[in-house]
Amino acid sequence: MASVLLVENNRMLRTMYTAGMSGYGYNVHEATSLNQAFDLLEEGLVPDILITDWKLVLFRYIAVIIE
């Protein structure tokens, strides 16, 4: 199944989203910040889907995420 990179700083929401997506067979990788998400990407993670808290995304990072 597809892999998901979930970037969410709220622990309760992150747990709920992960449980829901995992229940449908998705392989969910969690990050609590953009820095942690970038670390996962630099380590070689290539997610099929990116889900992020819109409040965490700064305009200067949008181009990096799209690439």
C-alpha atoms as a PDB file:
ATOM      1  CA  MET A   1       0.000   0.000   0.000  1.00  0.00           C
ATOM      2  CA  ALA A   2       1.033   3.622  -0.334  1.00  0.00           C
ATOM      3  CA  SER A   3       3.325   5.341   2.150  1.00  0.00           C
ATOM      4  CA  VAL A   4       2.243   8.557   3.837  1.00  0.00           C
ATOM      5  CA  LEU A   5       4.331  11.287   5.413  1.00  0.00           C
ATOM      6  CA  LEU A   6       2.160  12.905   8.074  1.00  0.00           C
ATOM      7  CA  VAL A   7       3.427  16.222   9.459  1.00  0.00           C
ATOM      8  CA  GLU A   8       1.326  17.246  12.454  1.00  0.00           C
ATOM      9  CA  ASN A   9       2.451  18.837  15.718  1.00  0.00           C
ATOM     10  CA  ASN A  10      -0.742  18.018  17.645  1.00  0.00           C
ATOM     11  CA  ARG A  11      -0.203  14.605  19.257  1.00  0.00           C
ATOM     12  CA  MET A  12      -3.911  13.756  19.493  1.00  0.00           C
ATOM     13  CA  LEU A  13      -4.577  14.555  15.824  1.00  0.00           C
ATOM     14  CA  ARG A  14      -1.406  12.771  14.724  1.00  0.00           C
ATOM     15  CA  THR A  15      -2.415   9.639  16.635  1.00  0.00           C
ATOM     16  CA  MET A  16      -5.954   9.740  15.228  1.00  0.00           C
ATOM     17  CA  TYR A  17      -4.811  10.241  11.624  1.00  0.00           C
ATOM     18  CA  THR A  18      -2.149   7.539  11.901  1.00  0.00           C
ATOM     19  CA  ALA A  19      -4.577   5.026  13.388  1.00  0.00           C
ATOM     20  CA  GLY A  20      -7.156   5.722  10.713  1.00  0.00           C
ATOM     21  CA  MET A  21      -4.771   5.518   7.775  1.00  0.00           C
ATOM     22  CA  SER A  22      -2.948   2.473   9.181  1.00  0.00           C
ATOM     23  CA  GLY A  23      -6.313   0.765   9.522  1.00  0.00           C
ATOM     24  CA  TYR A  24      -6.736   1.126   5.781  1.00  0.00           C
ATOM     25  CA  GLY A  25      -3.290  -0.350   5.144  1.00  0.00           C
ATOM     26  CA  TYR A  26      -1.257   2.813   4.618  1.00  0.00           C
ATOM     27  CA  ASN A  27       2.335   2.859   5.864  1.00  0.00           C
ATOM     28  CA  VAL A  28       2.390   6.099   7.875  1.00  0.00           C
ATOM     29  CA  HIS A  29       5.592   7.951   8.776  1.00  0.00           C
ATOM     30  CA  GLU A  30       5.046  10.645  11.400  1.00  0.00           C
ATOM     31  CA  ALA A  31       6.847  13.950  11.812  1.00  0.00           C
ATOM     32  CA  THR A  32       6.059  16.546  14.459  1.00  0.00           C
ATOM     33  CA  SER A  33       7.711  19.433  12.606  1.00  0.00           C
ATOM     34  CA  LEU A  34       8.892  20.456   9.163  1.00  0.00           C
ATOM     35  CA  ASN A  35      12.481  19.947  10.266  1.00  0.00           C
ATOM     36  CA  GLN A  36      11.718  16.374  11.276  1.00  0.00           C
ATOM     37  CA  ALA A  37       9.892  15.820   7.958  1.00  0.00           C
ATOM     38  CA  PHE A  38      12.892  17.118   6.026  1.00  0.00           C
ATOM     39  CA  ASP A  39      15.170  14.822   8.022  1.00  0.00           C
ATOM     40  CA  LEU A  40      13.041  11.830   7.012  1.00  0.00           C
ATOM     41  CA  LEU A  41      13.164  12.917   3.357  1.00  0.00           C
ATOM     42  CA  GLU A  42      16.940  13.387   3.520  1.00  0.00           C
ATOM     43  CA  GLU A  43      17.246   9.866   4.968  1.00  0.00           C
ATOM     44  CA  GLY A  44      15.634   8.542   1.792  1.00  0.00           C
ATOM     45  CA  LEU A  45      11.924   8.453   2.571  1.00  0.00           C
ATOM     46  CA  VAL A  46       9.923   8.929  -0.631  1.00  0.00           C
ATOM     47  CA  PRO A  47       6.267   9.114   0.398  1.00  0.00           C
ATOM     48  CA  ASP A  48       3.441   8.604  -2.051  1.00  0.00           C
ATOM     49  CA  ILE A  49       1.285  11.034  -0.087  1.00  0.00           C
ATOM     50  CA  LEU A  50       2.175  14.093   1.998  1.00  0.00           C
ATOM     51  CA  ILE A  51      -0.285  15.339   4.627  1.00  0.00           C
ATOM     52  CA  THR A  52       0.699  18.393   6.626  1.00  0.00           C
ATOM     53  CA  ASP A  53      -0.764  20.808   9.116  1.00  0.00           C
ATOM     54  CA  TRP A  54      -1.191  23.946   7.024  1.00  0.00           C
ATOM     55  CA  LYS A  55      -0.133  26.106   9.974  1.00  0.00           C
ATOM     56  CA  LEU A  56       3.286  24.438   9.935  1.00  0.00           C
ATOM     57  CA  VAL A  57       3.977  25.203   6.288  1.00  0.00           C
ATOM     58  CA  LEU A  58       5.853  28.424   5.704  1.00  0.00           C
ATOM     59  CA  PHE A  59       5.908  29.887   2.216  1.00  0.00           C
ATOM     60  CA  ARG A  60       9.655  29.469   1.925  1.00  0.00           C
ATOM     61  CA  TYR A  61       9.237  25.683   2.297  1.00  0.00           C
ATOM     62  CA  ILE A  62       6.502  25.203  -0.292  1.00  0.00           C
ATOM     63  CA  ALA A  63       8.928  24.966  -3.228  1.00  0.00           C
ATOM     64  CA  VAL A  64      11.018  22.386  -1.378  1.00  0.00           C
ATOM     65  CA  ILE A  65       7.962  20.253  -0.623  1.00  0.00           C
ATOM     66  CA  ILE A  66       6.754  20.392  -4.245  1.00  0.00           C
ATOM     67  CA  GLU A  67      10.167  19.325  -5.590  1.00  0.00           C
END
